[in-house]
């Protein structure tokens, strides 16, 4: 980046403007969360991240009784999670992983036949390519609620919602309908 660009960025940040906002871009097969300066510079993503796979390698020692407790203990407001969940699902797994500059809070909800996950990936600093998700050929839905764009994608029989808040990436994914995902998103902002 040119020195003039750096000075403009520093001035904008000093004025309280966040130039490092993560935005969604996609192709036929992938969905990317990329920081807005990367898009402006027209760079290609360099690395792939699967948030649920990263969560499986947890080295966390602390046990939590609820997702709210895990979030609050790691500096994330419990008001950022849905207050409505589909009937019949219960929390079956909860883990907190610390990896390099990232903390991942991962939760798995199951009923007798289906499951879904809710995860929060907190970045210590802006990454060049924070997340890439596989998707099928269906259109990406941009569902705006509470001033936040929630990207709803599908991949075979899984529906996934992805959104960001500052340096946190939220993901809900599983055997859910688009209507259930939207109702869960709505419940975050109806408090």
Protein backbone atom coordinates (compact mmCIF):
# COMPACT_ATOMS: atom_id res chain seq x y z
CA UNK A 1 0.00 0.00 0.00
CA UNK A 2 1.32 3.46 -0.87
CA UNK A 3 2.48 5.83 1.93
CA UNK A 4 -0.35 8.27 1.09
CA UNK A 5 -2.88 5.44 1.53
CA UNK A 6 -1.38 4.57 4.91
CA UNK A 7 -1.69 8.20 6.09
CA UNK A 8 -5.32 8.35 4.94
CA UNK A 9 -6.05 5.08 6.75
CA UNK A 10 -4.45 6.35 9.98
CA UNK A 11 -6.42 9.61 9.77
CA UNK A 12 -9.67 7.72 9.17
CA UNK A 13 -9.00 5.37 12.10
CA UNK A 14 -8.20 8.34 14.37
CA UNK A 15 -11.58 9.79 13.38
CA UNK A 16 -13.27 6.56 14.47
CA UNK A 17 -13.86 5.10 11.00
CA UNK A 18 -13.34 1.33 10.81
CA UNK A 19 -11.64 0.64 7.48
CA UNK A 20 -11.09 -3.02 8.35
CA UNK A 21 -14.70 -4.12 8.23
CA UNK A 22 -15.17 -7.71 7.13
CA UNK A 23 -17.44 -8.10 4.13
CA UNK A 24 -18.78 -11.12 2.29
CA UNK A 25 -17.77 -12.00 -1.24
CA UNK A 26 -18.55 -15.23 -3.03
CA UNK A 27 -18.18 -17.40 -6.06
CA UNK A 28 -20.28 -20.33 -7.23
CA UNK A 29 -18.49 -22.69 -4.77
CA UNK A 30 -17.14 -20.57 -1.92
CA UNK A 31 -18.12 -17.74 0.41
CA UNK A 32 -15.33 -15.48 1.75
CA UNK A 33 -15.18 -13.03 4.61
CA UNK A 34 -12.58 -10.51 3.56
CA UNK A 35 -11.58 -7.21 5.09
CA UNK A 36 -12.74 -4.25 3.05
CA UNK A 37 -9.20 -3.00 2.37
CA UNK A 38 -8.39 -6.36 0.75
CA UNK A 39 -11.39 -5.98 -1.55
CA UNK A 40 -10.38 -2.43 -2.43
CA UNK A 41 -6.88 -3.68 -3.30
CA UNK A 42 -8.47 -6.54 -5.32
CA UNK A 43 -6.39 -9.33 -3.75
CA UNK A 44 -7.25 -13.01 -3.98
CA UNK A 45 -7.81 -15.01 -0.75
CA UNK A 46 -4.74 -16.97 0.29
CA UNK A 47 -5.90 -19.45 2.94
CA UNK A 48 -8.92 -21.49 3.89
CA UNK A 49 -10.43 -21.74 7.35
CA UNK A 50 -13.18 -24.08 8.49
CA UNK A 51 -14.31 -22.79 11.87
CA UNK A 52 -15.96 -26.01 13.02
CA UNK A 53 -12.85 -28.06 12.17
CA UNK A 54 -10.66 -25.67 14.15
CA UNK A 55 -12.93 -25.98 17.16
CA UNK A 56 -12.32 -29.74 17.36
CA UNK A 57 -8.70 -29.25 18.40
CA UNK A 58 -9.59 -27.57 21.66
CA UNK A 59 -6.96 -27.31 24.34
CA UNK A 60 -9.30 -25.51 26.73
CA UNK A 61 -9.14 -26.47 30.39
CA UNK A 62 -12.16 -24.49 31.62
CA UNK A 63 -15.54 -26.22 31.66
CA UNK A 64 -18.62 -24.09 31.07
CA UNK A 65 -22.22 -24.82 32.02
CA UNK A 66 -23.67 -22.75 29.18
CA UNK A 67 -22.79 -20.96 25.95
CA UNK A 68 -23.56 -17.65 27.68
CA UNK A 69 -20.97 -18.41 30.40
CA UNK A 70 -18.32 -19.32 27.80
CA UNK A 71 -18.97 -16.14 25.84
CA UNK A 72 -18.97 -13.82 28.87
CA UNK A 73 -15.78 -15.41 30.24
CA UNK A 74 -14.08 -14.72 26.90
CA UNK A 75 -15.18 -11.10 26.55
CA UNK A 76 -18.22 -11.56 24.27
CA UNK A 77 -21.66 -10.37 25.33
CA UNK A 78 -24.25 -13.13 25.72
CA UNK A 79 -26.65 -10.72 24.00
CA UNK A 80 -24.98 -11.64 20.70
CA UNK A 81 -26.47 -15.14 20.65
CA UNK A 82 -30.02 -16.14 19.74
CA UNK A 83 -32.63 -16.18 22.48
CA UNK A 84 -34.74 -18.58 20.38
CA UNK A 85 -33.61 -22.07 19.35
CA UNK A 86 -35.67 -24.68 17.46
CA UNK A 87 -37.68 -26.93 19.83
CA UNK A 88 -36.17 -30.21 20.88
CA UNK A 89 -32.50 -29.24 20.57
CA UNK A 90 -30.19 -29.26 23.56
CA UNK A 91 -26.55 -28.37 24.08
CA UNK A 92 -24.42 -31.51 23.72
CA UNK A 93 -20.91 -30.08 23.30
CA UNK A 94 -19.22 -26.81 24.28
CA UNK A 95 -15.56 -25.98 23.84
CA UNK A 96 -13.24 -22.98 23.84
CA UNK A 97 -10.06 -23.19 21.74
CA UNK A 98 -7.08 -20.86 21.76
CA UNK A 99 -5.12 -20.94 18.50
CA UNK A 100 -2.47 -18.41 17.58
CA UNK A 101 -4.32 -15.05 17.55
CA UNK A 102 -7.79 -16.59 17.58
CA UNK A 103 -10.24 -17.80 20.21
CA UNK A 104 -13.04 -20.07 19.02
CA UNK A 105 -16.13 -20.77 21.10
CA UNK A 106 -17.91 -23.76 19.61
CA UNK A 107 -21.25 -25.26 20.63
CA UNK A 108 -23.14 -28.25 19.22
CA UNK A 109 -26.89 -28.64 19.66
CA UNK A 110 -28.63 -31.94 18.92
CA UNK A 111 -32.05 -33.55 18.96
CA UNK A 112 -32.78 -37.19 18.16
CA UNK A 113 -32.13 -36.86 14.41
CA UNK A 114 -30.51 -33.51 13.63
CA UNK A 115 -27.84 -31.12 14.81
CA UNK A 116 -26.56 -27.59 14.37
CA UNK A 117 -23.59 -25.60 15.60
CA UNK A 118 -23.14 -22.07 16.83
CA UNK A 119 -19.62 -20.69 16.96
CA UNK A 120 -17.88 -17.41 17.59
CA UNK A 121 -14.38 -16.87 16.23
CA UNK A 122 -12.68 -13.91 17.90
CA UNK A 123 -9.65 -12.50 16.12
CA UNK A 124 -6.98 -10.73 18.17
CA UNK A 125 -6.09 -8.64 15.10
CA UNK A 126 -7.37 -8.13 11.59
CA UNK A 127 -6.40 -11.08 9.41
CA UNK A 128 -5.97 -10.81 5.65
CA UNK A 129 -8.33 -13.70 4.92
CA UNK A 130 -10.25 -14.57 8.08
CA UNK A 131 -12.65 -17.15 6.67
CA UNK A 132 -13.61 -19.16 3.59
CA UNK A 133 -16.67 -21.42 3.56
CA UNK A 134 -17.77 -23.99 0.99
CA UNK A 135 -21.20 -23.47 -0.56
CA UNK A 136 -23.35 -24.96 -3.27
CA UNK A 137 -24.66 -23.14 -6.34
CA UNK A 138 -27.66 -21.60 -4.54
CA UNK A 139 -27.73 -17.84 -4.15
CA UNK A 140 -26.26 -16.15 -1.08
CA UNK A 141 -28.99 -14.40 0.91
CA UNK A 142 -28.06 -11.12 2.58
CA UNK A 143 -30.40 -10.90 5.57
CA UNK A 144 -30.12 -7.52 7.29
CA UNK A 145 -31.19 -7.28 10.92
CA UNK A 146 -30.07 -4.86 13.63
CA UNK A 147 -27.94 -2.97 11.09
CA UNK A 148 -25.88 -6.12 10.46
CA UNK A 149 -25.74 -8.14 7.25
CA UNK A 150 -26.12 -11.86 7.93
CA UNK A 151 -25.06 -14.01 4.99
CA UNK A 152 -27.13 -17.17 4.62
CA UNK A 153 -25.59 -19.87 2.44
CA UNK A 154 -26.29 -23.52 1.79
CA UNK A 155 -24.06 -26.49 1.10
CA UNK A 156 -25.87 -29.71 0.18
CA UNK A 157 -28.24 -30.33 3.17
CA UNK A 158 -26.75 -27.70 5.49
CA UNK A 159 -27.85 -24.08 5.92
CA UNK A 160 -25.35 -21.64 7.38
CA UNK A 161 -25.55 -18.04 8.59
CA UNK A 162 -22.36 -16.00 8.88
CA UNK A 163 -21.99 -12.46 10.21
CA UNK A 164 -19.38 -10.29 11.85
CA UNK A 165 -19.20 -7.78 14.65
CA UNK A 166 -15.88 -6.01 14.97
CA UNK A 167 -13.29 -8.78 15.15
CA UNK A 168 -15.77 -11.57 15.91
CA UNK A 169 -17.14 -13.94 13.27
CA UNK A 170 -20.41 -15.66 14.17
CA UNK A 171 -21.53 -18.86 12.44
CA UNK A 172 -24.70 -20.95 12.77
CA UNK A 173 -24.69 -24.09 10.69
CA UNK A 174 -26.64 -27.30 10.45
CA UNK A 175 -29.75 -29.12 9.44
CA UNK A 176 -31.94 -26.07 9.76
CA UNK A 177 -34.37 -24.37 7.44
CA UNK A 178 -33.87 -20.84 6.14
CA UNK A 179 -36.92 -19.83 8.20
CA UNK A 180 -35.40 -21.28 11.41
CA UNK A 181 -32.07 -19.51 10.74
CA UNK A 182 -33.87 -16.20 10.17
CA UNK A 183 -35.96 -16.66 13.35
CA UNK A 184 -32.77 -17.35 15.34
CA UNK A 185 -31.15 -14.22 13.88
CA UNK A 186 -34.27 -12.16 14.63
CA UNK A 187 -34.21 -13.32 18.28
CA UNK A 188 -30.75 -11.79 18.78
CA UNK A 189 -32.11 -8.31 18.14
CA UNK A 190 -35.49 -8.63 19.91
CA UNK A 191 -34.20 -8.26 23.46
